[in-house]
Amino acid sequence: MRSVERAVAAIEHAVKYSGVEFVVVDYLQLLKGSGGTKYEQVSSVSTELKHAAVKHNVAIVVLAQLGREIEKRDNIPRLYDLKDSGQIEQDADQVMFVQWPLKNDPSHRPINEYRVFCAKNRNRDINESVVELRFVPSRQLLREMPFEAMPNETSAFEDVNDR
């Protein structure tokens, strides 16, 4: 069973015995929390993960699913698109969304362009709400635009980007 209690216990163990300072949860809606409805369960998971982060002084990156309503709009993610609970937005210090424009517009070029939207940055300003990045498959990394290849770097997208 994928319970939030087991996840928190794993975080505690990793912090205590391995000195872990950074945790990634993939993804929030898969963990089961307390409560009868999905909304209550997701709220519980979000709150428990926030408490674990504060208690153990670790950064926790939580991947979360978006609702489908975004597909009926401009495809620009908003905080209210987080699926199943407003608690996620309340607990998070930062909320960032990743968008792949090619998914919504097959003619978009370059095809390896991604956009990261900063929707929330608790107690700090959002200096730039959108950052455009390029995915480099040979290195499995995202790089800021303008994109300049590193020496000896090849991209699986090169042939498509030149069109």
C-alpha atoms as a PDB file:
ATOM      1  CA  MET A   1       0.000   0.000   0.000  1.00  0.00           C
ATOM      2  CA  ARG A   2       1.270   3.466  -0.913  1.00  0.00           C
ATOM      3  CA  SER A   3       0.365   5.346   2.241  1.00  0.00           C
ATOM      4  CA  VAL A   4       1.622   8.756   3.239  1.00  0.00           C
ATOM      5  CA  GLU A   5       2.595   7.252   6.602  1.00  0.00           C
ATOM      6  CA  ARG A   6       5.026   4.872   4.859  1.00  0.00           C
ATOM      7  CA  ALA A   7       6.390   7.719   2.751  1.00  0.00           C
ATOM      8  CA  VAL A   8       6.976   9.881   5.834  1.00  0.00           C
ATOM      9  CA  ALA A   9       8.618   6.942   7.638  1.00  0.00           C
ATOM     10  CA  ALA A  10      10.922   6.449   4.631  1.00  0.00           C
ATOM     11  CA  ILE A  11      11.808  10.155   4.681  1.00  0.00           C
ATOM     12  CA  GLU A  12      12.578  10.001   8.418  1.00  0.00           C
ATOM     13  CA  HIS A  13      14.761   6.927   7.930  1.00  0.00           C
ATOM     14  CA  ALA A  14      16.632   8.460   4.986  1.00  0.00           C
ATOM     15  CA  VAL A  15      17.276  11.692   6.886  1.00  0.00           C
ATOM     16  CA  LYS A  16      18.431   9.906  10.039  1.00  0.00           C
ATOM     17  CA  TYR A  17      20.636   7.230   8.472  1.00  0.00           C
ATOM     18  CA  SER A  18      21.728   8.741   5.154  1.00  0.00           C
ATOM     19  CA  GLY A  19      21.677  12.482   5.731  1.00  0.00           C
ATOM     20  CA  VAL A  20      19.168  13.050   2.948  1.00  0.00           C
ATOM     21  CA  GLU A  21      18.312  16.730   2.422  1.00  0.00           C
ATOM     22  CA  PHE A  22      16.211  16.493  -0.735  1.00  0.00           C
ATOM     23  CA  VAL A  23      13.228  14.225  -1.478  1.00  0.00           C
ATOM     24  CA  VAL A  24      11.109  13.768  -4.614  1.00  0.00           C
ATOM     25  CA  VAL A  25       7.592  12.317  -4.433  1.00  0.00           C
ATOM     26  CA  ASP A  26       6.275  10.990  -7.733  1.00  0.00           C
ATOM     27  CA  TYR A  27       3.377  11.639  -7.508  1.00  0.00           C
ATOM     28  CA  LEU A  28       1.168  13.043  -4.746  1.00  0.00           C
ATOM     29  CA  GLN A  29      -2.198  11.654  -5.867  1.00  0.00           C
ATOM     30  CA  LEU A  30      -0.844   8.078  -5.756  1.00  0.00           C
ATOM     31  CA  LEU A  31      -0.283   8.255  -2.005  1.00  0.00           C
ATOM     32  CA  LYS A  32      -3.195   7.325   0.234  1.00  0.00           C
ATOM     33  CA  GLY A  33      -3.979   9.603   3.140  1.00  0.00           C
ATOM     34  CA  SER A  34      -6.674   9.741   5.778  1.00  0.00           C
ATOM     35  CA  GLY A  35     -10.193  10.743   4.831  1.00  0.00           C
ATOM     36  CA  GLY A  36     -13.178   9.312   3.033  1.00  0.00           C
ATOM     37  CA  THR A  37     -13.116  11.337  -0.170  1.00  0.00           C
ATOM     38  CA  LYS A  38     -10.305  11.783  -2.669  1.00  0.00           C
ATOM     39  CA  TYR A  39     -10.215  15.491  -1.790  1.00  0.00           C
ATOM     40  CA  GLU A  40      -9.723  14.691   1.915  1.00  0.00           C
ATOM     41  CA  GLN A  41      -7.061  12.082   1.168  1.00  0.00           C
ATOM     42  CA  VAL A  42      -5.031  14.376  -1.107  1.00  0.00           C
ATOM     43  CA  SER A  43      -5.332  17.174   1.471  1.00  0.00           C
ATOM     44  CA  SER A  44      -4.069  14.802   4.157  1.00  0.00           C
ATOM     45  CA  VAL A  45      -1.105  13.694   2.031  1.00  0.00           C
ATOM     46  CA  SER A  46      -0.157  17.284   1.226  1.00  0.00           C
ATOM     47  CA  THR A  47      -0.302  18.314   4.880  1.00  0.00           C
ATOM     48  CA  GLU A  48       1.699  15.295   6.100  1.00  0.00           C
ATOM     49  CA  LEU A  49       4.435  15.886   3.505  1.00  0.00           C
ATOM     50  CA  LYS A  50       4.628  19.570   4.485  1.00  0.00           C
ATOM     51  CA  HIS A  51       4.983  18.587   8.161  1.00  0.00           C
ATOM     52  CA  ALA A  52       7.740  16.079   7.276  1.00  0.00           C
ATOM     53  CA  ALA A  53       9.631  18.746   5.315  1.00  0.00           C
ATOM     54  CA  VAL A  54       9.518  21.190   8.221  1.00  0.00           C
ATOM     55  CA  LYS A  55      10.226  18.594  10.925  1.00  0.00           C
ATOM     56  CA  HIS A  56      13.251  17.117   9.152  1.00  0.00           C
ATOM     57  CA  ASN A  57      14.426  20.315   7.438  1.00  0.00           C
ATOM     58  CA  VAL A  58      14.410  18.729   3.977  1.00  0.00           C
ATOM     59  CA  ALA A  59      13.296  20.071   0.629  1.00  0.00           C
ATOM     60  CA  ILE A  60      10.489  17.962  -0.782  1.00  0.00           C
ATOM     61  CA  VAL A  61       9.595  18.246  -4.446  1.00  0.00           C
ATOM     62  CA  VAL A  62       6.147  16.824  -5.028  1.00  0.00           C
ATOM     63  CA  LEU A  63       4.917  16.006  -8.509  1.00  0.00           C
ATOM     64  CA  ALA A  64       1.158  16.352  -8.821  1.00  0.00           C
ATOM     65  CA  GLN A  65      -1.444  15.732 -11.459  1.00  0.00           C
ATOM     66  CA  LEU A  66      -3.427  18.528 -13.080  1.00  0.00           C
ATOM     67  CA  GLY A  67      -7.140  18.399 -13.821  1.00  0.00           C
ATOM     68  CA  ARG A  68      -8.365  18.072 -17.406  1.00  0.00           C
ATOM     69  CA  GLU A  69     -10.079  21.486 -17.441  1.00  0.00           C
ATOM     70  CA  ILE A  70      -6.795  23.001 -18.602  1.00  0.00           C
ATOM     71  CA  GLU A  71      -7.304  21.302 -21.993  1.00  0.00           C
ATOM     72  CA  LYS A  72     -10.476  23.355 -22.511  1.00  0.00           C
ATOM     73  CA  ARG A  73      -8.612  26.647 -22.032  1.00  0.00           C
ATOM     74  CA  ASP A  74      -5.376  28.202 -23.211  1.00  0.00           C
ATOM     75  CA  ASN A  75      -3.277  25.327 -21.782  1.00  0.00           C
ATOM     76  CA  ILE A  76      -1.451  27.699 -19.461  1.00  0.00           C
ATOM     77  CA  PRO A  77      -1.448  26.022 -16.026  1.00  0.00           C
ATOM     78  CA  ARG A  78      -2.889  27.832 -13.023  1.00  0.00           C
ATOM     79  CA  LEU A  79      -2.899  26.990  -9.310  1.00  0.00           C
ATOM     80  CA  TYR A  80      -6.542  25.911  -9.457  1.00  0.00           C
ATOM     81  CA  ASP A  81      -5.586  23.253 -12.018  1.00  0.00           C
ATOM     82  CA  LEU A  82      -3.929  21.138  -9.296  1.00  0.00           C
ATOM     83  CA  LYS A  83      -6.099  18.038  -9.135  1.00  0.00           C
ATOM     84  CA  ASP A  84      -8.201  16.981  -6.158  1.00  0.00           C
ATOM     85  CA  SER A  85      -7.269  19.569  -3.518  1.00  0.00           C
ATOM     86  CA  GLY A  86      -6.667  23.233  -2.838  1.00  0.00           C
ATOM     87  CA  GLN A  87      -4.550  22.095   0.116  1.00  0.00           C
ATOM     88  CA  ILE A  88      -1.620  21.457  -2.242  1.00  0.00           C
ATOM     89  CA  GLU A  89      -1.546  25.151  -3.124  1.00  0.00           C
ATOM     90  CA  GLN A  90      -1.801  26.153   0.539  1.00  0.00           C
ATOM     91  CA  ASP A  91       1.008  23.856   1.739  1.00  0.00           C
ATOM     92  CA  ALA A  92       3.466  24.514  -1.084  1.00  0.00           C
ATOM     93  CA  ASP A  93       6.199  27.115  -0.757  1.00  0.00           C
ATOM     94  CA  GLN A  94       6.684  27.104  -4.503  1.00  0.00           C
ATOM     95  CA  VAL A  95       4.476  25.841  -7.314  1.00  0.00           C
ATOM     96  CA  MET A  96       5.921  25.369 -10.764  1.00  0.00           C
ATOM     97  CA  PHE A  97       4.297  23.909 -13.861  1.00  0.00           C
ATOM     98  CA  VAL A  98       6.083  22.397 -16.851  1.00  0.00           C
ATOM     99  CA  GLN A  99       4.501  22.695 -20.293  1.00  0.00           C
ATOM    100  CA  TRP A 100       5.579  21.141 -23.592  1.00  0.00           C
ATOM    101  CA  PRO A 101       4.106  23.429 -26.299  1.00  0.00           C
ATOM    102  CA  LEU A 102       4.449  20.753 -28.992  1.00  0.00           C
ATOM    103  CA  LYS A 103       1.813  18.645 -27.214  1.00  0.00           C
ATOM    104  CA  ASN A 104      -0.808  21.312 -27.834  1.00  0.00           C
ATOM    105  CA  ASP A 105       0.500  22.583 -31.157  1.00  0.00           C
ATOM    106  CA  PRO A 106       2.090  19.896 -33.380  1.00  0.00           C
ATOM    107  CA  SER A 107       3.577  22.591 -35.632  1.00  0.00           C
ATOM    108  CA  HIS A 108       5.438  24.285 -32.747  1.00  0.00           C
ATOM    109  CA  ARG A 109       9.191  24.626 -33.269  1.00  0.00           C
ATOM    110  CA  PRO A 110      11.616  23.899 -31.811  1.00  0.00           C
ATOM    111  CA  ILE A 111      10.095  20.616 -30.698  1.00  0.00           C
ATOM    112  CA  ASN A 112      12.387  20.311 -27.680  1.00  0.00           C
ATOM    113  CA  GLU A 113      11.178  23.575 -26.129  1.00  0.00           C
ATOM    114  CA  TYR A 114       9.605  23.400 -22.678  1.00  0.00           C
ATOM    115  CA  ARG A 115       8.170  26.175 -20.538  1.00  0.00           C
ATOM    116  CA  VAL A 116       8.304  26.339 -16.765  1.00  0.00           C
ATOM    117  CA  PHE A 117       5.645  28.517 -15.152  1.00  0.00           C
ATOM    118  CA  CYS A 118       6.248  29.799 -11.639  1.00  0.00           C
ATOM    119  CA  ALA A 119       2.772  30.157 -10.139  1.00  0.00           C
ATOM    120  CA  LYS A 120       3.709  30.594  -6.477  1.00  0.00           C
ATOM    121  CA  ASN A 121       6.836  31.583  -4.596  1.00  0.00           C
ATOM    122  CA  ARG A 122       5.962  32.018  -0.905  1.00  0.00           C
ATOM    123  CA  ASN A 123       7.417  35.133   0.741  1.00  0.00           C
ATOM    124  CA  ARG A 124       9.316  36.068  -2.417  1.00  0.00           C
ATOM    125  CA  ASP A 125       8.527  37.869  -5.635  1.00  0.00           C
ATOM    126  CA  ILE A 126       8.035  36.036  -8.888  1.00  0.00           C
ATOM    127  CA  ASN A 127      10.598  37.848 -11.016  1.00  0.00           C
ATOM    128  CA  GLU A 128       9.898  35.907 -14.175  1.00  0.00           C
ATOM    129  CA  SER A 129       6.721  33.890 -14.432  1.00  0.00           C
ATOM    130  CA  VAL A 130       7.777  31.842 -17.481  1.00  0.00           C
ATOM    131  CA  VAL A 131      11.183  30.362 -18.250  1.00  0.00           C
ATOM    132  CA  GLU A 132      11.729  28.777 -21.649  1.00  0.00           C
ATOM    133  CA  LEU A 133      14.037  25.777 -21.738  1.00  0.00           C
ATOM    134  CA  ARG A 134      15.302  23.272 -24.254  1.00  0.00           C
ATOM    135  CA  PHE A 135      15.506  19.563 -23.551  1.00  0.00           C
ATOM    136  CA  VAL A 136      18.808  17.889 -24.423  1.00  0.00           C
ATOM    137  CA  PRO A 137      18.097  14.141 -24.703  1.00  0.00           C
ATOM    138  CA  SER A 138      21.747  13.089 -24.891  1.00  0.00           C
ATOM    139  CA  ARG A 139      22.326  14.643 -21.465  1.00  0.00           C
ATOM    140  CA  GLN A 140      18.800  14.229 -20.014  1.00  0.00           C
ATOM    141  CA  LEU A 141      18.733  17.876 -18.991  1.00  0.00           C
ATOM    142  CA  LEU A 142      16.858  21.096 -19.541  1.00  0.00           C
ATOM    143  CA  ARG A 143      18.875  24.179 -20.547  1.00  0.00           C
ATOM    144  CA  GLU A 144      17.878  27.818 -20.641  1.00  0.00           C
ATOM    145  CA  MET A 145      17.255  29.495 -23.975  1.00  0.00           C
ATOM    146  CA  PRO A 146      18.905  30.776 -26.062  1.00  0.00           C
ATOM    147  CA  PHE A 147      20.174  27.296 -26.611  1.00  0.00           C
ATOM    148  CA  GLU A 148      23.793  26.790 -27.568  1.00  0.00           C
ATOM    149  CA  ALA A 149      25.089  23.255 -27.727  1.00  0.00           C
ATOM    150  CA  MET A 150      27.946  22.271 -25.499  1.00  0.00           C
ATOM    151  CA  PRO A 151      31.052  20.879 -27.274  1.00  0.00           C
ATOM    152  CA  ASN A 152      30.489  17.308 -28.510  1.00  0.00           C
ATOM    153  CA  GLU A 153      26.815  17.494 -27.546  1.00  0.00           C
ATOM    154  CA  THR A 154      24.332  15.928 -29.898  1.00  0.00           C
ATOM    155  CA  SER A 155      20.594  16.063 -29.719  1.00  0.00           C
ATOM    156  CA  ALA A 156      18.013  13.542 -30.849  1.00  0.00           C
ATOM    157  CA  PHE A 157      15.974  16.608 -31.902  1.00  0.00           C
ATOM    158  CA  GLU A 158      18.615  18.198 -34.165  1.00  0.00           C
ATOM    159  CA  ASP A 159      17.135  16.969 -37.440  1.00  0.00           C
ATOM    160  CA  VAL A 160      13.661  18.255 -36.548  1.00  0.00           C
ATOM    161  CA  ASN A 161      14.880  21.624 -35.220  1.00  0.00           C
ATOM    162  CA  ASP A 162      16.557  22.395 -38.535  1.00  0.00           C
ATOM    163  CA  ARG A 163      13.301  22.171 -40.470  1.00  0.00           C
END
